C-alpha atoms as a PDB file:
ATOM      1  CA  MET A   1     -64.488 -40.451  53.499  1.00  0.00           C
ATOM      2  CA  ASP A   2     -65.231 -36.707  53.565  1.00  0.00           C
ATOM      3  CA  SER A   3     -64.454 -36.453  57.330  1.00  0.00           C
ATOM      4  CA  LEU A   4     -61.067 -38.253  56.527  1.00  0.00           C
ATOM      5  CA  LYS A   5     -60.200 -35.831  53.762  1.00  0.00           C
ATOM      6  CA  LEU A   6     -61.190 -32.830  55.934  1.00  0.00           C
ATOM      7  CA  SER A   7     -58.988 -34.139  58.787  1.00  0.00           C
ATOM      8  CA  THR A   8     -56.041 -34.595  56.288  1.00  0.00           C
ATOM      9  CA  ILE A   9     -56.488 -31.051  55.045  1.00  0.00           C
ATOM     10  CA  LEU A  10     -56.560 -29.604  58.567  1.00  0.00           C
ATOM     11  CA  LEU A  11     -53.490 -31.543  59.551  1.00  0.00           C
ATOM     12  CA  SER A  12     -51.641 -30.313  56.446  1.00  0.00           C
ATOM     13  CA  LEU A  13     -52.606 -26.690  57.164  1.00  0.00           C
ATOM     14  CA  LEU A  14     -51.476 -27.154  60.832  1.00  0.00           C
ATOM     15  CA  SER A  15     -48.171 -28.450  59.723  1.00  0.00           C
ATOM     16  CA  LEU A  16     -47.696 -25.631  57.251  1.00  0.00           C
ATOM     17  CA  ALA A  17     -48.545 -23.106  59.985  1.00  0.00           C
ATOM     18  CA  THR A  18     -45.991 -24.663  62.272  1.00  0.00           C
ATOM     19  CA  ILE A  19     -43.302 -24.612  59.619  1.00  0.00           C
ATOM     20  CA  THR A  20     -44.158 -20.951  58.758  1.00  0.00           C
ATOM     21  CA  GLN A  21     -43.864 -19.877  62.406  1.00  0.00           C
ATOM     22  CA  ALA A  22     -40.475 -21.577  62.880  1.00  0.00           C
ATOM     23  CA  GLN A  23     -38.752 -19.329  60.441  1.00  0.00           C
ATOM     24  CA  ASP A  24     -34.945 -19.166  60.379  1.00  0.00           C
ATOM     25  CA  PRO A  25     -33.660 -16.101  62.387  1.00  0.00           C
ATOM     26  CA  LYS A  26     -32.464 -13.096  60.516  1.00  0.00           C
ATOM     27  CA  TYR A  27     -28.673 -13.342  60.340  1.00  0.00           C
ATOM     28  CA  LEU A  28     -26.481 -10.291  60.878  1.00  0.00           C
ATOM     29  CA  VAL A  29     -22.886 -11.121  61.211  1.00  0.00           C
ATOM     30  CA  TYR A  30     -20.400 -13.516  62.760  1.00  0.00           C
ATOM     31  CA  SER A  31     -16.815 -13.326  64.260  1.00  0.00           C
ATOM     32  CA  CYS A  32     -14.278 -16.134  64.665  1.00  0.00           C
ATOM     33  CA  PRO A  33     -10.571 -15.175  64.699  1.00  0.00           C
ATOM     34  CA  ASP A  34      -8.448 -17.706  62.797  1.00  0.00           C
ATOM     35  CA  THR A  35      -5.668 -17.182  65.338  1.00  0.00           C
ATOM     36  CA  THR A  36      -7.333 -19.562  67.820  1.00  0.00           C
ATOM     37  CA  THR A  37      -8.301 -22.915  66.483  1.00  0.00           C
ATOM     38  CA  PHE A  38      -8.796 -26.477  67.703  1.00  0.00           C
ATOM     39  CA  THR A  39      -7.846 -29.840  66.223  1.00  0.00           C
ATOM     40  CA  ARG A  40     -10.869 -31.850  65.001  1.00  0.00           C
ATOM     41  CA  ASN A  41     -11.891 -34.751  67.253  1.00  0.00           C
ATOM     42  CA  SER A  42      -9.958 -33.153  70.083  1.00  0.00           C
ATOM     43  CA  THR A  43     -11.051 -32.803  73.735  1.00  0.00           C
ATOM     44  CA  TYR A  44     -11.847 -29.121  73.130  1.00  0.00           C
ATOM     45  CA  GLN A  45     -14.247 -30.024  70.294  1.00  0.00           C
ATOM     46  CA  ALA A  46     -15.947 -32.583  72.543  1.00  0.00           C
ATOM     47  CA  ASN A  47     -16.406 -29.968  75.168  1.00  0.00           C
ATOM     48  CA  LEU A  48     -17.623 -27.431  72.631  1.00  0.00           C
ATOM     49  CA  ASN A  49     -20.222 -29.863  71.463  1.00  0.00           C
ATOM     50  CA  ARG A  50     -21.422 -30.424  74.985  1.00  0.00           C
ATOM     51  CA  LEU A  51     -21.574 -26.703  75.562  1.00  0.00           C
ATOM     52  CA  LEU A  52     -23.673 -26.016  72.443  1.00  0.00           C
ATOM     53  CA  SER A  53     -25.955 -28.946  73.327  1.00  0.00           C
ATOM     54  CA  SER A  54     -26.477 -27.395  76.874  1.00  0.00           C
ATOM     55  CA  LEU A  55     -27.186 -23.904  75.444  1.00  0.00           C
ATOM     56  CA  SER A  56     -29.746 -25.287  73.134  1.00  0.00           C
ATOM     57  CA  SER A  57     -31.560 -27.463  75.700  1.00  0.00           C
ATOM     58  CA  ASN A  58     -31.643 -24.571  78.214  1.00  0.00           C
ATOM     59  CA  SER A  59     -33.051 -22.153  75.548  1.00  0.00           C
ATOM     60  CA  THR A  60     -36.400 -23.951  76.229  1.00  0.00           C
ATOM     61  CA  ARG A  61     -36.571 -22.751  79.820  1.00  0.00           C
ATOM     62  CA  ASN A  62     -39.018 -19.940  80.626  1.00  0.00           C
ATOM     63  CA  ASN A  63     -37.282 -18.583  83.837  1.00  0.00           C
ATOM     64  CA  ILE A  64     -34.016 -17.422  82.360  1.00  0.00           C
ATOM     65  CA  ASN A  65     -34.993 -13.971  80.889  1.00  0.00           C
ATOM     66  CA  GLY A  66     -33.653 -14.939  77.410  1.00  0.00           C
ATOM     67  CA  PHE A  67     -30.023 -15.380  78.808  1.00  0.00           C
ATOM     68  CA  TYR A  68     -27.943 -18.324  79.862  1.00  0.00           C
ATOM     69  CA  ASN A  69     -24.179 -18.954  80.290  1.00  0.00           C
ATOM     70  CA  VAL A  70     -22.387 -22.166  80.979  1.00  0.00           C
ATOM     71  CA  SER A  71     -18.928 -23.833  80.743  1.00  0.00           C
ATOM     72  CA  ALA A  72     -17.982 -27.319  79.775  1.00  0.00           C
ATOM     73  CA  GLY A  73     -14.731 -29.340  80.431  1.00  0.00           C
ATOM     74  CA  LYS A  74     -11.596 -28.516  82.396  1.00  0.00           C
ATOM     75  CA  TYR A  75      -8.483 -26.390  81.797  1.00  0.00           C
ATOM     76  CA  PRO A  76      -6.776 -26.308  79.306  1.00  0.00           C
ATOM     77  CA  ASP A  77      -9.749 -27.522  77.217  1.00  0.00           C
ATOM     78  CA  GLU A  78     -12.538 -25.704  79.113  1.00  0.00           C
ATOM     79  CA  VAL A  79     -15.179 -23.926  76.869  1.00  0.00           C
ATOM     80  CA  TYR A  80     -17.289 -20.989  78.077  1.00  0.00           C
ATOM     81  CA  GLY A  81     -20.481 -19.983  76.220  1.00  0.00           C
ATOM     82  CA  MET A  82     -23.667 -18.044  76.423  1.00  0.00           C
ATOM     83  CA  PHE A  83     -26.669 -16.897  74.526  1.00  0.00           C
ATOM     84  CA  LEU A  84     -28.699 -13.685  74.784  1.00  0.00           C
ATOM     85  CA  CYS A  85     -32.148 -13.242  73.143  1.00  0.00           C
ATOM     86  CA  ARG A  86     -33.568  -9.800  72.326  1.00  0.00           C
ATOM     87  CA  GLY A  87     -35.619  -8.649  75.252  1.00  0.00           C
ATOM     88  CA  ASP A  88     -38.995  -8.471  73.430  1.00  0.00           C
ATOM     89  CA  VAL A  89     -38.925 -11.789  71.535  1.00  0.00           C
ATOM     90  CA  SER A  90     -41.104 -14.703  72.714  1.00  0.00           C
ATOM     91  CA  ASN A  91     -39.677 -17.765  74.352  1.00  0.00           C
ATOM     92  CA  SER A  92     -40.295 -19.773  71.192  1.00  0.00           C
ATOM     93  CA  VAL A  93     -38.601 -17.280  68.967  1.00  0.00           C
ATOM     94  CA  CYS A  94     -35.640 -17.230  71.377  1.00  0.00           C
ATOM     95  CA  ARG A  95     -35.500 -20.955  71.396  1.00  0.00           C
ATOM     96  CA  ASN A  96     -35.708 -21.298  67.584  1.00  0.00           C
ATOM     97  CA  CYS A  97     -32.838 -18.656  67.131  1.00  0.00           C
ATOM     98  CA  VAL A  98     -30.561 -20.305  69.674  1.00  0.00           C
ATOM     99  CA  ASN A  99     -31.087 -23.742  68.305  1.00  0.00           C
ATOM    100  CA  PHE A 100     -30.369 -22.409  64.783  1.00  0.00           C
ATOM    101  CA  ALA A 101     -27.316 -20.646  65.997  1.00  0.00           C
ATOM    102  CA  THR A 102     -25.748 -23.624  67.586  1.00  0.00           C
ATOM    103  CA  LYS A 103     -25.673 -25.315  64.271  1.00  0.00           C
ATOM    104  CA  ASP A 104     -25.015 -22.250  62.050  1.00  0.00           C
ATOM    105  CA  VAL A 105     -21.926 -21.159  64.110  1.00  0.00           C
ATOM    106  CA  LEU A 106     -20.178 -24.511  63.414  1.00  0.00           C
ATOM    107  CA  GLN A 107     -20.734 -24.035  59.664  1.00  0.00           C
ATOM    108  CA  LYS A 108     -19.331 -20.675  59.669  1.00  0.00           C
ATOM    109  CA  CYS A 109     -16.479 -21.327  62.287  1.00  0.00           C
ATOM    110  CA  PRO A 110     -15.790 -25.119  62.105  1.00  0.00           C
ATOM    111  CA  ILE A 111     -12.547 -25.018  63.977  1.00  0.00           C
ATOM    112  CA  GLY A 112     -12.606 -21.726  65.873  1.00  0.00           C
ATOM    113  CA  LYS A 113     -12.154 -21.847  69.656  1.00  0.00           C
ATOM    114  CA  VAL A 114     -13.590 -18.385  69.879  1.00  0.00           C
ATOM    115  CA  ALA A 115     -16.789 -17.487  67.985  1.00  0.00           C
ATOM    116  CA  THR A 116     -19.716 -14.993  68.156  1.00  0.00           C
ATOM    117  CA  ILE A 117     -22.709 -15.084  65.889  1.00  0.00           C
ATOM    118  CA  TRP A 118     -25.461 -12.370  65.901  1.00  0.00           C
ATOM    119  CA  TYR A 119     -29.030 -12.510  64.496  1.00  0.00           C
ATOM    120  CA  ASP A 120     -31.764  -9.954  64.865  1.00  0.00           C
ATOM    121  CA  GLU A 121     -33.372 -12.079  67.498  1.00  0.00           C
ATOM    122  CA  CYS A 122     -30.321 -13.508  69.497  1.00  0.00           C
ATOM    123  CA  GLU A 123     -26.607 -13.643  70.014  1.00  0.00           C
ATOM    124  CA  LEU A 124     -24.590 -16.800  70.625  1.00  0.00           C
ATOM    125  CA  ARG A 125     -20.929 -16.688  71.869  1.00  0.00           C
ATOM    126  CA  TYR A 126     -18.363 -19.100  73.071  1.00  0.00           C
ATOM    127  CA  SER A 127     -14.614 -18.885  73.844  1.00  0.00           C
ATOM    128  CA  ASN A 128     -11.654 -20.700  75.487  1.00  0.00           C
ATOM    129  CA  ARG A 129     -11.470 -17.994  78.129  1.00  0.00           C
ATOM    130  CA  ASN A 130     -13.801 -16.906  80.849  1.00  0.00           C
ATOM    131  CA  PHE A 131     -15.791 -13.838  79.615  1.00  0.00           C
ATOM    132  CA  PHE A 132     -18.602 -13.996  82.237  1.00  0.00           C
ATOM    133  CA  PHE A 133     -19.417 -10.934  84.204  1.00  0.00           C
ATOM    134  CA  SER A 134     -17.114  -8.690  82.100  1.00  0.00           C
ATOM    135  CA  ALA A 135     -17.996  -6.152  79.537  1.00  0.00           C
ATOM    136  CA  GLU A 136     -16.091  -6.302  76.236  1.00  0.00           C
ATOM    137  CA  TYR A 137     -16.089  -3.542  73.773  1.00  0.00           C
ATOM    138  CA  ASP A 138     -12.700  -3.686  72.085  1.00  0.00           C
ATOM    139  CA  SER A 139     -14.291  -4.214  68.680  1.00  0.00           C
ATOM    140  CA  SER A 140     -17.718  -3.774  67.191  1.00  0.00           C
ATOM    141  CA  VAL A 141     -19.690  -3.934  63.967  1.00  0.00           C
ATOM    142  CA  SER A 142     -22.387  -1.597  62.669  1.00  0.00           C
ATOM    143  CA  PHE A 143     -25.232  -1.529  60.197  1.00  0.00           C
ATOM    144  CA  THR A 144     -27.064   1.550  58.886  1.00  0.00           C
ATOM    145  CA  ASN A 145     -30.384   2.048  57.257  1.00  0.00           C
ATOM    146  CA  ILE A 146     -30.045   2.967  53.500  1.00  0.00           C
ATOM    147  CA  ASN A 147     -32.254   6.078  53.996  1.00  0.00           C
ATOM    148  CA  CYS A 148     -30.981   9.524  55.168  1.00  0.00           C
ATOM    149  CA  VAL A 149     -32.738  12.155  57.235  1.00  0.00           C
ATOM    150  CA  THR A 150     -32.896  15.173  55.125  1.00  0.00           C
ATOM    151  CA  VAL A 151     -34.997  17.597  57.333  1.00  0.00           C
ATOM    152  CA  GLU A 152     -32.892  19.011  60.154  1.00  0.00           C
ATOM    153  CA  PRO A 153     -30.454  16.031  60.331  1.00  0.00           C
ATOM    154  CA  GLU A 154     -28.341  17.431  63.156  1.00  0.00           C
ATOM    155  CA  ARG A 155     -31.515  17.829  65.256  1.00  0.00           C
ATOM    156  CA  PHE A 156     -32.291  14.270  64.515  1.00  0.00           C
ATOM    157  CA  ASN A 157     -28.892  13.004  65.428  1.00  0.00           C
ATOM    158  CA  LYS A 158     -29.161  14.660  68.824  1.00  0.00           C
ATOM    159  CA  LEU A 159     -32.665  13.153  69.499  1.00  0.00           C
ATOM    160  CA  VAL A 160     -31.201   9.701  68.666  1.00  0.00           C
ATOM    161  CA  ALA A 161     -28.174  10.186  71.014  1.00  0.00           C
ATOM    162  CA  SER A 162     -30.275  11.693  73.896  1.00  0.00           C
ATOM    163  CA  THR A 163     -32.857   8.985  73.687  1.00  0.00           C
ATOM    164  CA  LEU A 164     -30.358   6.181  73.541  1.00  0.00           C
ATOM    165  CA  ASN A 165     -28.431   7.720  76.529  1.00  0.00           C
ATOM    166  CA  ASN A 166     -31.716   7.978  78.473  1.00  0.00           C
ATOM    167  CA  ILE A 167     -32.695   4.318  78.062  1.00  0.00           C
ATOM    168  CA  SER A 168     -29.039   3.135  78.640  1.00  0.00           C
ATOM    169  CA  THR A 169     -29.405   4.434  82.127  1.00  0.00           C
ATOM    170  CA  ARG A 170     -32.677   2.476  82.575  1.00  0.00           C
ATOM    171  CA  ALA A 171     -31.350  -0.683  81.100  1.00  0.00           C
ATOM    172  CA  ALA A 172     -28.076  -0.559  83.135  1.00  0.00           C
ATOM    173  CA  SER A 173     -29.943  -0.051  86.411  1.00  0.00           C
ATOM    174  CA  ALA A 174     -32.039  -3.218  86.200  1.00  0.00           C
ATOM    175  CA  PRO A 175     -31.539  -5.623  89.132  1.00  0.00           C
ATOM    176  CA  SER A 176     -28.766  -8.329  88.800  1.00  0.00           C
ATOM    177  CA  GLY A 177     -30.289 -11.256  86.732  1.00  0.00           C
ATOM    178  CA  ASP A 178     -33.135  -9.253  85.193  1.00  0.00           C
ATOM    179  CA  LYS A 179     -33.218  -8.184  81.547  1.00  0.00           C
ATOM    180  CA  LYS A 180     -30.905  -5.304  80.967  1.00  0.00           C
ATOM    181  CA  PHE A 181     -33.129  -4.021  78.182  1.00  0.00           C
ATOM    182  CA  ALA A 182     -34.933  -0.992  77.376  1.00  0.00           C
ATOM    183  CA  VAL A 183     -37.023   0.657  74.582  1.00  0.00           C
ATOM    184  CA  GLN A 184     -38.223   4.098  74.070  1.00  0.00           C
ATOM    185  CA  GLN A 185     -40.250   6.017  71.372  1.00  0.00           C
ATOM    186  CA  ALA A 186     -39.741   9.655  70.488  1.00  0.00           C
ATOM    187  CA  ASN A 187     -41.714  12.087  68.420  1.00  0.00           C
ATOM    188  CA  TYR A 188     -39.847  13.424  65.440  1.00  0.00           C
ATOM    189  CA  ASN A 189     -41.912  15.641  63.142  1.00  0.00           C
ATOM    190  CA  SER A 190     -44.702  13.468  61.905  1.00  0.00           C
ATOM    191  CA  GLN A 191     -42.774  10.264  62.481  1.00  0.00           C
ATOM    192  CA  ILE A 192     -41.870   8.149  65.580  1.00  0.00           C
ATOM    193  CA  LEU A 193     -38.338   7.149  66.508  1.00  0.00           C
ATOM    194  CA  TYR A 194     -37.944   3.755  67.944  1.00  0.00           C
ATOM    195  CA  THR A 195     -34.894   2.955  70.073  1.00  0.00           C
ATOM    196  CA  LEU A 196     -33.591  -0.142  71.778  1.00  0.00           C
ATOM    197  CA  VAL A 197     -30.574  -1.017  74.018  1.00  0.00           C
ATOM    198  CA  GLN A 198     -29.548  -4.209  75.634  1.00  0.00           C
ATOM    199  CA  CYS A 199     -26.678  -5.666  77.785  1.00  0.00           C
ATOM    200  CA  THR A 200     -26.049  -9.111  78.893  1.00  0.00           C
ATOM    201  CA  PRO A 201     -27.662  -9.494  82.271  1.00  0.00           C
ATOM    202  CA  ASP A 202     -24.476 -10.726  84.043  1.00  0.00           C
ATOM    203  CA  LEU A 203     -22.911  -7.223  83.758  1.00  0.00           C
ATOM    204  CA  SER A 204     -22.835  -4.910  86.615  1.00  0.00           C
ATOM    205  CA  THR A 205     -24.756  -1.546  86.313  1.00  0.00           C
ATOM    206  CA  SER A 206     -21.462   0.336  85.770  1.00  0.00           C
ATOM    207  CA  ASP A 207     -20.067  -2.050  83.140  1.00  0.00           C
ATOM    208  CA  CYS A 208     -23.466  -2.160  81.226  1.00  0.00           C
ATOM    209  CA  ARG A 209     -23.649   1.642  81.218  1.00  0.00           C
ATOM    210  CA  ARG A 210     -19.945   1.948  80.221  1.00  0.00           C
ATOM    211  CA  CYS A 211     -20.500  -0.519  77.284  1.00  0.00           C
ATOM    212  CA  LEU A 212     -23.591   1.356  76.053  1.00  0.00           C
ATOM    213  CA  GLU A 213     -21.876   4.605  76.392  1.00  0.00           C
ATOM    214  CA  TYR A 214     -18.975   3.399  74.249  1.00  0.00           C
ATOM    215  CA  ALA A 215     -21.514   1.999  71.640  1.00  0.00           C
ATOM    216  CA  ILE A 216     -23.366   5.300  71.484  1.00  0.00           C
ATOM    217  CA  SER A 217     -20.058   7.078  71.016  1.00  0.00           C
ATOM    218  CA  LYS A 218     -19.886   5.421  67.650  1.00  0.00           C
ATOM    219  CA  LEU A 219     -22.994   7.151  66.327  1.00  0.00           C
ATOM    220  CA  GLY A 220     -21.115   9.803  64.539  1.00  0.00           C
ATOM    221  CA  LYS A 221     -18.897   7.355  62.565  1.00  0.00           C
ATOM    222  CA  CYS A 222     -21.637   4.707  61.678  1.00  0.00           C
ATOM    223  CA  CYS A 223     -24.846   6.391  61.605  1.00  0.00           C
ATOM    224  CA  ASP A 224     -24.681  10.175  60.959  1.00  0.00           C
ATOM    225  CA  ARG A 225     -27.974  11.311  59.427  1.00  0.00           C
ATOM    226  CA  LYS A 226     -29.124   7.803  58.913  1.00  0.00           C
ATOM    227  CA  GLN A 227     -32.848   6.912  59.610  1.00  0.00           C
ATOM    228  CA  GLY A 228     -31.647   3.687  61.399  1.00  0.00           C
ATOM    229  CA  GLY A 229     -28.584   2.034  62.711  1.00  0.00           C
ATOM    230  CA  ILE A 230     -27.256  -0.757  64.849  1.00  0.00           C
ATOM    231  CA  VAL A 231     -24.028  -0.968  66.856  1.00  0.00           C
ATOM    232  CA  ILE A 232     -23.109  -4.430  68.247  1.00  0.00           C
ATOM    233  CA  PHE A 233     -20.547  -5.352  70.911  1.00  0.00           C
ATOM    234  CA  ALA A 234     -20.159  -8.638  72.482  1.00  0.00           C
ATOM    235  CA  SER A 235     -21.650  -7.476  75.630  1.00  0.00           C
ATOM    236  CA  CYS A 236     -24.129  -4.870  74.629  1.00  0.00           C
ATOM    237  CA  ASN A 237     -25.907  -3.391  71.504  1.00  0.00           C
ATOM    238  CA  PHE A 238     -28.289  -0.640  70.443  1.00  0.00           C
ATOM    239  CA  ARG A 239     -30.638   0.011  67.511  1.00  0.00           C
ATOM    240  CA  TYR A 240     -32.753   2.768  66.323  1.00  0.00           C
ATOM    241  CA  GLU A 241     -35.269   3.156  63.447  1.00  0.00           C
ATOM    242  CA  LEU A 242     -38.050   5.336  62.243  1.00  0.00           C
ATOM    243  CA  TYR A 243     -40.288   2.188  62.117  1.00  0.00           C
ATOM    244  CA  GLU A 244     -41.312  -0.342  64.752  1.00  0.00           C
ATOM    245  CA  PHE A 245     -38.663  -3.044  64.432  1.00  0.00           C
ATOM    246  CA  TYR A 246     -39.486  -4.518  67.901  1.00  0.00           C
ATOM    247  CA  ASN A 247     -42.669  -5.834  69.421  1.00  0.00           C
ATOM    248  CA  ALA A 248     -43.718  -2.756  71.420  1.00  0.00           C
ATOM    249  CA  THR A 249     -46.349  -4.710  73.432  1.00  0.00           C
ATOM    250  CA  ALA A 250     -43.923  -7.486  74.420  1.00  0.00           C
ATOM    251  CA  ALA A 251     -41.267  -4.963  75.204  1.00  0.00           C
ATOM    252  CA  ALA A 252     -43.555  -3.000  77.411  1.00  0.00           C
ATOM    253  CA  GLU A 253     -44.438  -6.168  79.358  1.00  0.00           C
ATOM    254  CA  ALA A 254     -40.707  -6.977  79.718  1.00  0.00           C
ATOM    255  CA  VAL A 255     -39.614  -3.575  80.785  1.00  0.00           C
ATOM    256  CA  PRO A 256     -42.405  -0.874  81.099  1.00  0.00           C
ATOM    257  CA  ALA A 257     -41.346   2.252  79.103  1.00  0.00           C
ATOM    258  CA  PRO A 258     -42.047   5.895  79.897  1.00  0.00           C
ATOM    259  CA  PRO A 259     -44.230   7.916  77.478  1.00  0.00           C
ATOM    260  CA  PRO A 260     -42.671   9.109  74.174  1.00  0.00           C
ATOM    261  CA  VAL A 261     -40.259  11.891  74.209  1.00  0.00           C
ATOM    262  CA  ALA A 262     -41.725  14.969  72.301  1.00  0.00           C
ATOM    263  CA  LEU A 263     -39.640  17.121  69.925  1.00  0.00           C
ATOM    264  CA  SER A 264     -41.015  20.358  68.691  1.00  0.00           C
ATOM    265  CA  PRO A 265     -41.661  20.185  64.838  1.00  0.00           C
ATOM    266  CA  PRO A 266     -39.411  22.104  62.520  1.00  0.00           C
ATOM    267  CA  PRO A 267     -40.500  24.568  59.794  1.00  0.00           C
ATOM    268  CA  ALA A 268     -42.165  22.710  56.941  1.00  0.00           C
ATOM    269  CA  SER A 269     -39.883  21.892  54.040  1.00  0.00           C
ATOM    270  CA  GLY A 270     -39.642  19.275  51.250  1.00  0.00           C
ATOM    271  CA  SER A 271     -37.484  16.253  51.636  1.00  0.00           C
ATOM    272  CA  GLU A 272     -35.893  13.694  49.401  1.00  0.00           C
ATOM    273  CA  THR A 273     -34.398  10.465  50.487  1.00  0.00           C
ATOM    274  CA  ARG A 274     -30.842   9.806  49.370  1.00  0.00           C
ATOM    275  CA  ARG A 275     -30.093   6.096  48.713  1.00  0.00           C
ATOM    276  CA  LYS A 276     -26.990   4.078  48.591  1.00  0.00           C
ATOM    277  CA  GLY A 277     -26.199   0.402  47.618  1.00  0.00           C
ATOM    278  CA  GLU A 278     -28.842  -1.917  48.921  1.00  0.00           C
ATOM    279  CA  VAL A 279     -28.197  -5.049  51.075  1.00  0.00           C
ATOM    280  CA  ASP A 280     -30.312  -7.253  53.214  1.00  0.00           C
ATOM    281  CA  ASN A 281     -33.829  -6.609  51.756  1.00  0.00           C
ATOM    282  CA  ALA A 282     -33.089  -2.920  51.303  1.00  0.00           C
ATOM    283  CA  LEU A 283     -32.882  -2.329  55.161  1.00  0.00           C
ATOM    284  CA  PHE A 284     -29.061  -1.820  55.688  1.00  0.00           C
ATOM    285  CA  ASN A 285     -26.218  -0.694  53.418  1.00  0.00           C
ATOM    286  CA  CYS A 286     -23.020  -1.167  55.507  1.00  0.00           C
ATOM    287  CA  LEU A 287     -21.321  -3.456  57.808  1.00  0.00           C
ATOM    288  CA  VAL A 288     -18.288  -1.726  59.281  1.00  0.00           C
ATOM    289  CA  ALA A 289     -15.659  -2.553  61.997  1.00  0.00           C
ATOM    290  CA  ILE A 290     -15.225   0.529  64.096  1.00  0.00           C
END
């Protein structure tokens, strides 16, 4: 009886651990223009369901570098779709995020022919037109950290821009099919700046670089003096923070990073963080179309 009770307890704890590990991904934002919709129970919807099923099933593969694209059906009802997982996340986190996204996107965009949904861990996208192998940066969204840099903010802004530009070149130059992903740390006073950039692996070197350049050009509008920020396009994105928001060990295994960039310390001075309205567990305070 005691052995049976112990086995039951162990199985319960194992089940609880499994549930805890499979947490829902951290939702960021979605987009589905209401100008392109489909009729329920139509051929397009059937093809979309097939496509989402294919994306979900292929997210379990270990040899795709966190990226997969596929189409379903024939013109005029063909659907094109893809997913992209953040370069440092594990296969299981990627799979969980994609599986969740395939269901969540239909809740948020129930009749949209075109939709994109972003989480911290992955992006899922589909459309009635072929967007493979092309960079798209006609619209973007951004988030910023609620905290501001108060000690030499202009110097901090320059460090963010230069570090992002540096790793953009590295990410873009990755061979075709490899992860177009890079991270970099930089020393800022007594803190460490963490930066990350990523493109979809189907982009050419020039298209990835151009997409990231355009994203970085948004820094002044979205993220001036902010301790952290994200700019997201359909084909690329960047993020920076003064805390480790990615798995540095996994990121180094995915794409080896150079040593941290050093920045000479400024004269000592006091600082006080200015706060704005708080959203998303006090991490971000704005979502802006730019």
